[in-house]
Amino acid sequence: VDGSISAHQGFRILFEGGSRAVLRLSGTGTEGATLRVYLERYVAGPEGLTEDPQHALAPIIAATEDLVGIKARTGRKGPDVIT
């Protein structure tokens, strides 16, 4: 909004069509940090705006997993929190 840039705060994966994944670490130490994953799917609307988020984001979730390998790296089957 204000044009500021924060370097080294994570990374973005941009997909065709305007969807994206943003991954960043959250925490103060080197151990026990939380990996935050933000997923966005662009929909011109209003079509698709009432779709279940997990279903709507499924292709972005799969593509992000293929690229990053979160499950293999962390040994977790899924997220602890979904909002």
Protein backbone atom coordinates (compact mmCIF):
# COMPACT_ATOMS: atom_id res chain seq x y z
CA VAL A 1 0.00 0.00 0.00
CA ASP A 2 2.70 2.48 0.96
CA GLY A 3 5.28 1.16 -1.51
CA SER A 4 7.68 -0.10 1.17
CA ILE A 5 9.70 -3.26 0.55
CA SER A 6 10.83 -5.77 3.19
CA ALA A 7 13.63 -7.99 1.92
CA HIS A 8 14.33 -11.55 3.06
CA GLN A 9 10.90 -12.07 4.66
CA GLY A 10 9.98 -15.23 2.75
CA PHE A 11 9.12 -15.93 -0.84
CA ARG A 12 6.23 -15.82 -3.26
CA ILE A 13 5.23 -18.33 -5.90
CA LEU A 14 3.20 -16.65 -8.62
CA PHE A 15 0.90 -18.80 -10.75
CA GLU A 16 -0.72 -18.11 -14.09
CA GLY A 17 -4.09 -16.47 -13.68
CA GLY A 18 -3.15 -14.35 -10.67
CA SER A 19 -3.07 -17.00 -7.92
CA ARG A 20 -0.11 -17.13 -5.55
CA ALA A 21 1.45 -18.83 -2.55
CA VAL A 22 3.44 -16.90 0.04
CA LEU A 23 5.70 -18.77 2.48
CA ARG A 24 7.50 -17.23 5.43
CA LEU A 25 8.87 -18.18 8.81
CA SER A 26 7.35 -16.72 11.92
CA GLY A 27 9.12 -16.88 15.27
CA THR A 28 12.00 -15.42 17.17
CA GLY A 29 14.45 -18.32 17.35
CA THR A 30 16.07 -20.77 14.98
CA GLU A 31 14.14 -23.69 16.47
CA GLY A 32 10.41 -24.02 16.73
CA ALA A 33 9.65 -21.41 14.09
CA THR A 34 6.26 -21.58 12.42
CA LEU A 35 6.04 -21.89 8.67
CA ARG A 36 3.21 -19.66 7.51
CA VAL A 37 1.72 -20.47 4.13
CA TYR A 38 -0.70 -18.04 2.54
CA LEU A 39 -2.61 -19.24 -0.50
CA GLU A 40 -4.64 -17.01 -2.79
CA ARG A 41 -6.67 -17.86 -5.85
CA TYR A 42 -7.83 -15.07 -8.09
CA VAL A 43 -11.50 -15.18 -9.06
CA ALA A 44 -12.94 -12.34 -11.10
CA GLY A 45 -16.24 -12.91 -9.28
CA PRO A 46 -18.88 -13.32 -8.44
CA GLU A 47 -18.58 -16.88 -9.83
CA GLY A 48 -16.54 -19.06 -7.50
CA LEU A 49 -16.66 -16.76 -4.48
CA THR A 50 -18.94 -19.14 -2.56
CA GLU A 51 -16.85 -22.23 -3.31
CA ASP A 52 -15.42 -24.15 -0.34
CA PRO A 53 -11.92 -22.70 0.23
CA GLN A 54 -10.22 -26.09 0.53
CA HIS A 55 -11.73 -27.20 -2.77
CA ALA A 56 -11.02 -23.88 -4.48
CA LEU A 57 -7.38 -23.87 -3.31
CA ALA A 58 -6.70 -27.59 -3.94
CA PRO A 59 -4.75 -27.01 -7.20
CA ILE A 60 -2.64 -24.29 -5.57
CA ILE A 61 -2.01 -26.47 -2.51
CA ALA A 62 -0.89 -29.37 -4.74
CA ALA A 63 1.34 -27.18 -6.92
CA THR A 64 2.95 -25.56 -3.88
CA GLU A 65 3.61 -28.97 -2.32
CA ASP A 66 5.15 -30.22 -5.59
CA LEU A 67 7.46 -27.20 -5.75
CA VAL A 68 8.40 -26.85 -2.08
CA GLY A 69 7.94 -30.34 -0.55
CA ILE A 70 6.68 -29.20 2.83
CA LYS A 71 5.42 -32.68 3.81
CA ALA A 72 8.74 -34.34 3.00
CA ARG A 73 10.76 -31.64 4.76
CA THR A 74 8.65 -31.43 7.91
CA GLY A 75 7.23 -34.95 8.18
CA ARG A 76 3.78 -33.45 8.77
CA LYS A 77 0.73 -34.64 6.84
CA GLY A 78 -1.03 -31.28 6.94
CA PRO A 79 -1.28 -27.93 8.68
CA ASP A 80 -2.02 -27.51 12.36
CA VAL A 81 -4.24 -24.50 11.75
CA ILE A 82 -6.34 -23.52 8.73
CA THR A 83 -8.01 -20.12 8.69
